[in-house]
């Protein structure tokens, strides 16, 4: 059962994701600093966002939102994990 909840604190919400004809449940979670470093390195190699999402273990939408929050959706190669982490910590 996938219940819809829009709260940011709902980190463990379950969502159905179709992969290669299979349907499996994936836990949504927030990106860690290590995830952001992986994201930065893979973006510099022009890796497709779908592949990055698979590597990090999050949805493609999570990657898009991270880039959008940090103003790097159009200029992905300039994403900086340190800046993104500082911006996140400044909000807390």
PDB file of N, CA and C in Angstrom:
ATOM      1  N   UNK A   1       0.830  -1.186   0.000  1.00  0.00           N
ATOM      2  CA  UNK A   1       0.000   0.000   0.000  1.00  0.00           C
ATOM      3  C   UNK A   1       0.871   1.244   0.000  1.00  0.00           C
ATOM      4  N   UNK A   2       0.760   2.011  -1.064  1.00  0.00           N
ATOM      5  CA  UNK A   2       1.516   3.265  -1.149  1.00  0.00           C
ATOM      6  C   UNK A   2       0.586   4.402  -0.778  1.00  0.00           C
ATOM      7  N   UNK A   3       0.823   5.004   0.369  1.00  0.00           N
ATOM      8  CA  UNK A   3      -0.011   6.115   0.812  1.00  0.00           C
ATOM      9  C   UNK A   3       0.646   7.416   0.396  1.00  0.00           C
ATOM     10  N   UNK A   4      -0.166   8.326  -0.120  1.00  0.00           N
ATOM     11  CA  UNK A   4       0.349   9.619  -0.550  1.00  0.00           C
ATOM     12  C   UNK A   4       0.482  10.546   0.641  1.00  0.00           C
ATOM     13  N   UNK A   5       1.657  11.099   0.809  1.00  0.00           N
ATOM     14  CA  UNK A   5       1.902  12.068   1.865  1.00  0.00           C
ATOM     15  C   UNK A   5       2.897  13.067   1.327  1.00  0.00           C
ATOM     16  N   UNK A   6       2.639  14.333   1.493  1.00  0.00           N
ATOM     17  CA  UNK A   6       3.492  15.371   0.924  1.00  0.00           C
ATOM     18  C   UNK A   6       4.466  15.961   1.931  1.00  0.00           C
ATOM     19  N   UNK A   7       4.502  15.475   3.168  1.00  0.00           N
ATOM     20  CA  UNK A   7       5.372  16.040   4.186  1.00  0.00           C
ATOM     21  C   UNK A   7       6.838  15.716   3.952  1.00  0.00           C
ATOM     22  N   UNK A   8       7.709  16.678   4.202  1.00  0.00           N
ATOM     23  CA  UNK A   8       9.143  16.461   4.024  1.00  0.00           C
ATOM     24  C   UNK A   8       9.696  15.438   5.007  1.00  0.00           C
ATOM     25  N   UNK A   9       9.072  15.333   6.184  1.00  0.00           N
ATOM     26  CA  UNK A   9       9.552  14.391   7.181  1.00  0.00           C
ATOM     27  C   UNK A   9       9.168  12.956   6.885  1.00  0.00           C
ATOM     28  N   UNK A  10       8.424  12.736   5.835  1.00  0.00           N
ATOM     29  CA  UNK A  10       7.964  11.389   5.497  1.00  0.00           C
ATOM     30  C   UNK A  10       9.015  10.683   4.640  1.00  0.00           C
ATOM     31  N   UNK A  11      10.195  10.498   5.202  1.00  0.00           N
ATOM     32  CA  UNK A  11      11.335   9.982   4.474  1.00  0.00           C
ATOM     33  C   UNK A  11      11.123   8.542   4.019  1.00  0.00           C
ATOM     34  N   UNK A  12      10.383   7.777   4.794  1.00  0.00           N
ATOM     35  CA  UNK A  12      10.262   6.361   4.492  1.00  0.00           C
ATOM     36  C   UNK A  12       8.987   5.997   3.744  1.00  0.00           C
ATOM     37  N   UNK A  13       8.395   6.984   3.077  1.00  0.00           N
ATOM     38  CA  UNK A  13       7.201   6.720   2.281  1.00  0.00           C
ATOM     39  C   UNK A  13       7.544   5.682   1.204  1.00  0.00           C
ATOM     40  N   UNK A  14       6.643   4.773   0.979  1.00  0.00           N
ATOM     41  CA  UNK A  14       6.884   3.754  -0.035  1.00  0.00           C
ATOM     42  C   UNK A  14       6.188   4.152  -1.331  1.00  0.00           C
ATOM     43  N   UNK A  15       6.851   3.902  -2.435  1.00  0.00           N
ATOM     44  CA  UNK A  15       6.314   4.252  -3.738  1.00  0.00           C
ATOM     45  C   UNK A  15       6.593   3.095  -4.689  1.00  0.00           C
ATOM     46  N   UNK A  16       5.640   2.763  -5.531  1.00  0.00           N
ATOM     47  CA  UNK A  16       5.854   1.700  -6.490  1.00  0.00           C
ATOM     48  C   UNK A  16       6.616   2.240  -7.684  1.00  0.00           C
ATOM     49  N   UNK A  17       7.634   1.503  -8.090  1.00  0.00           N
ATOM     50  CA  UNK A  17       8.475   1.918  -9.191  1.00  0.00           C
ATOM     51  C   UNK A  17       8.589   0.745 -10.152  1.00  0.00           C
ATOM     52  N   UNK A  18       8.314   0.955 -11.419  1.00  0.00           N
ATOM     53  CA  UNK A  18       8.416  -0.106 -12.419  1.00  0.00           C
ATOM     54  C   UNK A  18       9.827  -0.160 -12.985  1.00  0.00           C
ATOM     55  N   UNK A  19      10.430  -1.328 -12.969  1.00  0.00           N
ATOM     56  CA  UNK A  19      11.783  -1.504 -13.502  1.00  0.00           C
ATOM     57  C   UNK A  19      11.809  -2.735 -14.395  1.00  0.00           C
ATOM     58  N   UNK A  20      11.984  -2.534 -15.683  1.00  0.00           N
ATOM     59  CA  UNK A  20      12.119  -3.647 -16.600  1.00  0.00           C
ATOM     60  C   UNK A  20      10.967  -4.638 -16.545  1.00  0.00           C
ATOM     61  N   UNK A  21       9.748  -4.164 -16.470  1.00  0.00           N
ATOM     62  CA  UNK A  21       8.598  -5.051 -16.418  1.00  0.00           C
ATOM     63  C   UNK A  21       8.252  -5.521 -15.020  1.00  0.00           C
ATOM     64  N   UNK A  22       9.162  -5.338 -14.056  1.00  0.00           N
ATOM     65  CA  UNK A  22       8.909  -5.723 -12.672  1.00  0.00           C
ATOM     66  C   UNK A  22       8.426  -4.501 -11.901  1.00  0.00           C
ATOM     67  N   UNK A  23       7.631  -4.739 -10.906  1.00  0.00           N
ATOM     68  CA  UNK A  23       7.230  -3.651 -10.017  1.00  0.00           C
ATOM     69  C   UNK A  23       7.763  -3.979  -8.638  1.00  0.00           C
ATOM     70  N   UNK A  24       8.466  -3.017  -8.060  1.00  0.00           N
ATOM     71  CA  UNK A  24       9.021  -3.245  -6.732  1.00  0.00           C
ATOM     72  C   UNK A  24       8.846  -1.990  -5.894  1.00  0.00           C
ATOM     73  N   UNK A  25       8.838  -2.151  -4.601  1.00  0.00           N
ATOM     74  CA  UNK A  25       8.704  -1.005  -3.709  1.00  0.00           C
ATOM     75  C   UNK A  25      10.092  -0.445  -3.422  1.00  0.00           C
ATOM     76  N   UNK A  26      10.197   0.878  -3.442  1.00  0.00           N
ATOM     77  CA  UNK A  26      11.465   1.537  -3.142  1.00  0.00           C
ATOM     78  C   UNK A  26      11.213   2.548  -2.041  1.00  0.00           C
ATOM     79  N   UNK A  27      12.073   2.583  -1.052  1.00  0.00           N
ATOM     80  CA  UNK A  27      11.938   3.571   0.018  1.00  0.00           C
ATOM     81  C   UNK A  27      12.529   4.889  -0.446  1.00  0.00           C
ATOM     82  N   UNK A  28      11.768   5.940  -0.242  1.00  0.00           N
ATOM     83  CA  UNK A  28      12.281   7.266  -0.539  1.00  0.00           C
ATOM     84  C   UNK A  28      13.090   7.745   0.652  1.00  0.00           C
ATOM     85  N   UNK A  29      14.178   8.421   0.371  1.00  0.00           N
ATOM     86  CA  UNK A  29      15.021   8.915   1.449  1.00  0.00           C
ATOM     87  C   UNK A  29      15.687  10.199   0.995  1.00  0.00           C
ATOM     88  N   UNK A  30      16.271  10.877   1.929  1.00  0.00           N
ATOM     89  CA  UNK A  30      16.988  12.112   1.603  1.00  0.00           C
ATOM     90  C   UNK A  30      18.410  11.782   1.167  1.00  0.00           C
ATOM     91  N   UNK A  31      18.951  12.661   0.358  1.00  0.00           N
ATOM     92  CA  UNK A  31      20.328  12.471  -0.096  1.00  0.00           C
ATOM     93  C   UNK A  31      21.299  12.790   1.034  1.00  0.00           C
ATOM     94  N   UNK A  32      22.321  11.972   1.160  1.00  0.00           N
ATOM     95  CA  UNK A  32      23.395  12.223   2.116  1.00  0.00           C
ATOM     96  C   UNK A  32      24.506  13.004   1.407  1.00  0.00           C
ATOM     97  N   UNK A  33      25.481  13.448   2.171  1.00  0.00           N
ATOM     98  CA  UNK A  33      26.623  14.137   1.571  1.00  0.00           C
ATOM     99  C   UNK A  33      27.352  13.204   0.598  1.00  0.00           C
ATOM    100  N   UNK A  34      27.484  11.938   0.965  1.00  0.00           N
ATOM    101  CA  UNK A  34      28.142  10.969   0.094  1.00  0.00           C
ATOM    102  C   UNK A  34      27.366  10.790  -1.212  1.00  0.00           C
ATOM    103  N   UNK A  35      26.025  10.792  -1.125  1.00  0.00           N
ATOM    104  CA  UNK A  35      25.185  10.721  -2.328  1.00  0.00           C
ATOM    105  C   UNK A  35      25.436  11.926  -3.222  1.00  0.00           C
ATOM    106  N   UNK A  36      25.565  13.088  -2.604  1.00  0.00           N
ATOM    107  CA  UNK A  36      25.799  14.315  -3.370  1.00  0.00           C
ATOM    108  C   UNK A  36      27.170  14.285  -4.062  1.00  0.00           C
ATOM    109  N   UNK A  37      28.163  13.696  -3.417  1.00  0.00           N
ATOM    110  CA  UNK A  37      29.480  13.561  -4.059  1.00  0.00           C
ATOM    111  C   UNK A  37      29.390  12.644  -5.278  1.00  0.00           C
ATOM    112  N   UNK A  38      28.654  11.546  -5.145  1.00  0.00           N
ATOM    113  CA  UNK A  38      28.448  10.634  -6.278  1.00  0.00           C
ATOM    114  C   UNK A  38      27.731  11.378  -7.403  1.00  0.00           C
ATOM    115  N   UNK A  39      26.691  12.128  -7.037  1.00  0.00           N
ATOM    116  CA  UNK A  39      25.932  12.904  -8.013  1.00  0.00           C
ATOM    117  C   UNK A  39      26.840  13.881  -8.747  1.00  0.00           C
ATOM    118  N   UNK A  40      27.655  14.601  -8.004  1.00  0.00           N
ATOM    119  CA  UNK A  40      28.576  15.575  -8.612  1.00  0.00           C
ATOM    120  C   UNK A  40      29.517  14.900  -9.606  1.00  0.00           C
ATOM    121  N   UNK A  41      30.135  13.805  -9.195  1.00  0.00           N
ATOM    122  CA  UNK A  41      31.090  13.115 -10.073  1.00  0.00           C
ATOM    123  C   UNK A  41      30.424  12.543 -11.317  1.00  0.00           C
ATOM    124  N   UNK A  42      29.248  11.967 -11.157  1.00  0.00           N
ATOM    125  CA  UNK A  42      28.563  11.375 -12.309  1.00  0.00           C
ATOM    126  C   UNK A  42      28.042  12.448 -13.259  1.00  0.00           C
ATOM    127  N   UNK A  43      27.634  13.601 -12.731  1.00  0.00           N
ATOM    128  CA  UNK A  43      27.202  14.701 -13.596  1.00  0.00           C
ATOM    129  C   UNK A  43      28.358  15.229 -14.424  1.00  0.00           C
ATOM    130  N   UNK A  44      29.539  15.277 -13.827  1.00  0.00           N
ATOM    131  CA  UNK A  44      30.724  15.748 -14.564  1.00  0.00           C
ATOM    132  C   UNK A  44      31.100  14.804 -15.704  1.00  0.00           C
ATOM    133  N   UNK A  45      30.662  13.543 -15.594  1.00  0.00           N
ATOM    134  CA  UNK A  45      30.911  12.555 -16.645  1.00  0.00           C
ATOM    135  C   UNK A  45      29.736  12.460 -17.617  1.00  0.00           C
ATOM    136  N   UNK A  46      28.773  13.385 -17.492  1.00  0.00           N
ATOM    137  CA  UNK A  46      27.573  13.423 -18.340  1.00  0.00           C
ATOM    138  C   UNK A  46      26.753  12.137 -18.270  1.00  0.00           C
ATOM    139  N   UNK A  47      26.700  11.533 -17.096  1.00  0.00           N
ATOM    140  CA  UNK A  47      25.898  10.331 -16.883  1.00  0.00           C
ATOM    141  C   UNK A  47      24.423  10.719 -16.872  1.00  0.00           C
ATOM    142  N   UNK A  48      23.564   9.955 -17.554  1.00  0.00           N
ATOM    143  CA  UNK A  48      22.129  10.258 -17.530  1.00  0.00           C
ATOM    144  C   UNK A  48      21.570  10.206 -16.106  1.00  0.00           C
ATOM    145  N   UNK A  49      20.593  11.061 -15.830  1.00  0.00           N
ATOM    146  CA  UNK A  49      20.033  11.160 -14.484  1.00  0.00           C
ATOM    147  C   UNK A  49      19.402   9.852 -14.022  1.00  0.00           C
ATOM    148  N   UNK A  50      18.853   9.087 -14.949  1.00  0.00           N
ATOM    149  CA  UNK A  50      18.257   7.799 -14.581  1.00  0.00           C
ATOM    150  C   UNK A  50      19.332   6.865 -14.020  1.00  0.00           C
ATOM    151  N   UNK A  51      20.492   6.848 -14.646  1.00  0.00           N
ATOM    152  CA  UNK A  51      21.600   5.988 -14.180  1.00  0.00           C
ATOM    153  C   UNK A  51      22.117   6.472 -12.826  1.00  0.00           C
ATOM    154  N   UNK A  52      22.176   7.786 -12.640  1.00  0.00           N
ATOM    155  CA  UNK A  52      22.624   8.336 -11.358  1.00  0.00           C
ATOM    156  C   UNK A  52      21.647   7.927 -10.260  1.00  0.00           C
ATOM    157  N   UNK A  53      20.357   8.051 -10.545  1.00  0.00           N
ATOM    158  CA  UNK A  53      19.333   7.680  -9.562  1.00  0.00           C
ATOM    159  C   UNK A  53      19.460   6.209  -9.168  1.00  0.00           C
ATOM    160  N   UNK A  54      19.699   5.345 -10.150  1.00  0.00           N
ATOM    161  CA  UNK A  54      19.879   3.920  -9.855  1.00  0.00           C
ATOM    162  C   UNK A  54      21.101   3.690  -8.979  1.00  0.00           C
ATOM    163  N   UNK A  55      22.192   4.363  -9.297  1.00  0.00           N
ATOM    164  CA  UNK A  55      23.437   4.210  -8.534  1.00  0.00           C
ATOM    165  C   UNK A  55      23.276   4.671  -7.085  1.00  0.00           C
ATOM    166  N   UNK A  56      22.606   5.802  -6.906  1.00  0.00           N
ATOM    167  CA  UNK A  56      22.440   6.374  -5.572  1.00  0.00           C
ATOM    168  C   UNK A  56      21.338   5.651  -4.793  1.00  0.00           C
ATOM    169  N   UNK A  57      20.377   5.058  -5.521  1.00  0.00           N
ATOM    170  CA  UNK A  57      19.296   4.333  -4.867  1.00  0.00           C
ATOM    171  C   UNK A  57      18.099   5.197  -4.525  1.00  0.00           C
ATOM    172  N   UNK A  58      17.858   6.208  -5.363  1.00  0.00           N
ATOM    173  CA  UNK A  58      16.709   7.095  -5.175  1.00  0.00           C
ATOM    174  C   UNK A  58      15.956   7.182  -6.497  1.00  0.00           C
ATOM    175  N   UNK A  59      14.827   7.874  -6.479  1.00  0.00           N
ATOM    176  CA  UNK A  59      14.067   8.049  -7.702  1.00  0.00           C
ATOM    177  C   UNK A  59      14.694   9.141  -8.572  1.00  0.00           C
ATOM    178  N   UNK A  60      14.352   9.110  -9.843  1.00  0.00           N
ATOM    179  CA  UNK A  60      14.830  10.143 -10.761  1.00  0.00           C
ATOM    180  C   UNK A  60      14.318  11.510 -10.317  1.00  0.00           C
ATOM    181  N   UNK A  61      13.104  11.539  -9.805  1.00  0.00           N
ATOM    182  CA  UNK A  61      12.515  12.792  -9.334  1.00  0.00           C
ATOM    183  C   UNK A  61      13.343  13.394  -8.201  1.00  0.00           C
ATOM    184  N   UNK A  62      13.889  12.561  -7.341  1.00  0.00           N
ATOM    185  CA  UNK A  62      14.737  13.040  -6.242  1.00  0.00           C
ATOM    186  C   UNK A  62      15.962  13.772  -6.796  1.00  0.00           C
ATOM    187  N   UNK A  63      16.562  13.221  -7.847  1.00  0.00           N
ATOM    188  CA  UNK A  63      17.742  13.850  -8.462  1.00  0.00           C
ATOM    189  C   UNK A  63      17.345  15.178  -9.103  1.00  0.00           C
ATOM    190  N   UNK A  64      16.227  15.197  -9.836  1.00  0.00           N
ATOM    191  CA  UNK A  64      15.754  16.438 -10.450  1.00  0.00           C
ATOM    192  C   UNK A  64      15.514  17.515  -9.402  1.00  0.00           C
ATOM    193  N   UNK A  65      14.875  17.143  -8.298  1.00  0.00           N
ATOM    194  CA  UNK A  65      14.584  18.124  -7.244  1.00  0.00           C
ATOM    195  C   UNK A  65      15.863  18.657  -6.615  1.00  0.00           C
ATOM    196  N   UNK A  66      16.852  17.799  -6.426  1.00  0.00           N
ATOM    197  CA  UNK A  66      18.138  18.233  -5.872  1.00  0.00           C
ATOM    198  C   UNK A  66      18.787  19.263  -6.792  1.00  0.00           C
ATOM    199  N   UNK A  67      18.771  19.002  -8.083  1.00  0.00           N
ATOM    200  CA  UNK A  67      19.360  19.943  -9.035  1.00  0.00           C
ATOM    201  C   UNK A  67      18.558  21.245  -9.082  1.00  0.00           C
ATOM    202  N   UNK A  68      17.248  21.126  -9.026  1.00  0.00           N
ATOM    203  CA  UNK A  68      16.399  22.314  -9.059  1.00  0.00           C
ATOM    204  C   UNK A  68      16.602  23.174  -7.810  1.00  0.00           C
ATOM    205  N   UNK A  69      16.682  22.536  -6.642  1.00  0.00           N
ATOM    206  CA  UNK A  69      16.885  23.274  -5.391  1.00  0.00           C
ATOM    207  C   UNK A  69      18.188  24.057  -5.395  1.00  0.00           C
ATOM    208  N   UNK A  70      19.171  23.525  -6.083  1.00  0.00           N
ATOM    209  CA  UNK A  70      20.492  24.147  -6.081  1.00  0.00           C
ATOM    210  C   UNK A  70      20.772  24.942  -7.348  1.00  0.00           C
ATOM    211  N   UNK A  71      19.734  25.210  -8.137  1.00  0.00           N
ATOM    212  CA  UNK A  71      19.866  26.052  -9.322  1.00  0.00           C
ATOM    213  C   UNK A  71      20.734  25.478 -10.418  1.00  0.00           C
ATOM    214  N   UNK A  72      20.827  24.168 -10.489  1.00  0.00           N
ATOM    215  CA  UNK A  72      21.723  23.551 -11.469  1.00  0.00           C
ATOM    216  C   UNK A  72      20.995  22.644 -12.451  1.00  0.00           C
ATOM    217  N   UNK A  73      19.692  22.812 -12.590  1.00  0.00           N
ATOM    218  CA  UNK A  73      18.939  21.940 -13.483  1.00  0.00           C
ATOM    219  C   UNK A  73      19.381  22.117 -14.930  1.00  0.00           C
ATOM    220  N   UNK A  74      19.637  23.354 -15.338  1.00  0.00           N
ATOM    221  CA  UNK A  74      20.054  23.620 -16.718  1.00  0.00           C
ATOM    222  C   UNK A  74      21.558  23.426 -16.924  1.00  0.00           C
ATOM    223  N   UNK A  75      22.351  23.703 -15.908  1.00  0.00           N
ATOM    224  CA  UNK A  75      23.807  23.623 -16.031  1.00  0.00           C
ATOM    225  C   UNK A  75      24.328  22.565 -15.056  1.00  0.00           C
ATOM    226  N   UNK A  76      24.031  21.322 -15.333  1.00  0.00           N
ATOM    227  CA  UNK A  76      24.286  20.211 -14.413  1.00  0.00           C
ATOM    228  C   UNK A  76      25.759  19.990 -14.099  1.00  0.00           C
ATOM    229  N   UNK A  77      26.627  20.260 -15.044  1.00  0.00           N
ATOM    230  CA  UNK A  77      28.055  19.990 -14.816  1.00  0.00           C
ATOM    231  C   UNK A  77      28.649  20.883 -13.743  1.00  0.00           C
ATOM    232  N   UNK A  78      27.961  21.970 -13.392  1.00  0.00           N
ATOM    233  CA  UNK A  78      28.455  22.884 -12.360  1.00  0.00           C
ATOM    234  C   UNK A  78      27.907  22.573 -10.982  1.00  0.00           C
ATOM    235  N   UNK A  79      27.204  21.455 -10.814  1.00  0.00           N
ATOM    236  CA  UNK A  79      26.685  21.062  -9.501  1.00  0.00           C
ATOM    237  C   UNK A  79      27.860  20.846  -8.554  1.00  0.00           C
ATOM    238  N   UNK A  80      27.735  21.349  -7.330  1.00  0.00           N
ATOM    239  CA  UNK A  80      28.797  21.212  -6.349  1.00  0.00           C
ATOM    240  C   UNK A  80      28.207  20.630  -5.059  1.00  0.00           C
ATOM    241  N   UNK A  81      28.681  19.455  -4.681  1.00  0.00           N
ATOM    242  CA  UNK A  81      28.158  18.758  -3.503  1.00  0.00           C
ATOM    243  C   UNK A  81      28.369  19.564  -2.232  1.00  0.00           C
ATOM    244  N   UNK A  82      29.516  20.227  -2.100  1.00  0.00           N
ATOM    245  CA  UNK A  82      29.799  21.020  -0.902  1.00  0.00           C
ATOM    246  C   UNK A  82      28.824  22.185  -0.765  1.00  0.00           C
ATOM    247  N   UNK A  83      28.569  22.901  -1.862  1.00  0.00           N
ATOM    248  CA  UNK A  83      27.629  24.012  -1.833  1.00  0.00           C
ATOM    249  C   UNK A  83      26.223  23.530  -1.496  1.00  0.00           C
ATOM    250  N   UNK A  84      25.824  22.406  -2.088  1.00  0.00           N
ATOM    251  CA  UNK A  84      24.486  21.862  -1.835  1.00  0.00           C
ATOM    252  C   UNK A  84      24.332  21.463  -0.375  1.00  0.00           C
ATOM    253  N   UNK A  85      25.372  20.859   0.188  1.00  0.00           N
ATOM    254  CA  UNK A  85      25.318  20.439   1.596  1.00  0.00           C
ATOM    255  C   UNK A  85      25.264  21.662   2.522  1.00  0.00           C
ATOM    256  N   UNK A  86      26.048  22.681   2.210  1.00  0.00           N
ATOM    257  CA  UNK A  86      26.032  23.904   3.028  1.00  0.00           C
ATOM    258  C   UNK A  86      24.669  24.569   2.982  1.00  0.00           C
ATOM    259  N   UNK A  87      24.048  24.598   1.797  1.00  0.00           N
ATOM    260  CA  UNK A  87      22.724  25.192   1.648  1.00  0.00           C
ATOM    261  C   UNK A  87      21.705  24.421   2.487  1.00  0.00           C
ATOM    262  N   UNK A  88      21.814  23.103   2.488  1.00  0.00           N
ATOM    263  CA  UNK A  88      20.902  22.277   3.281  1.00  0.00           C
ATOM    264  C   UNK A  88      21.080  22.538   4.778  1.00  0.00           C
ATOM    265  N   UNK A  89      22.314  22.582   5.241  1.00  0.00           N
ATOM    266  CA  UNK A  89      22.594  22.785   6.656  1.00  0.00           C
ATOM    267  C   UNK A  89      22.213  24.183   7.126  1.00  0.00           C
ATOM    268  N   UNK A  90      22.281  25.147   6.222  1.00  0.00           N
ATOM    269  CA  UNK A  90      21.905  26.522   6.562  1.00  0.00           C
ATOM    270  C   UNK A  90      20.407  26.647   6.824  1.00  0.00           C
ATOM    271  N   UNK A  91      19.618  25.754   6.240  1.00  0.00           N
ATOM    272  CA  UNK A  91      18.162  25.774   6.442  1.00  0.00           C
ATOM    273  C   UNK A  91      17.755  25.186   7.768  1.00  0.00           C
ATOM    274  N   UNK A  92      18.611  24.360   8.354  1.00  0.00           N
ATOM    275  CA  UNK A  92      18.260  23.677   9.614  1.00  0.00           C
ATOM    276  C   UNK A  92      18.368  24.566  10.826  1.00  0.00           C
TER     277      UNK A  92
END
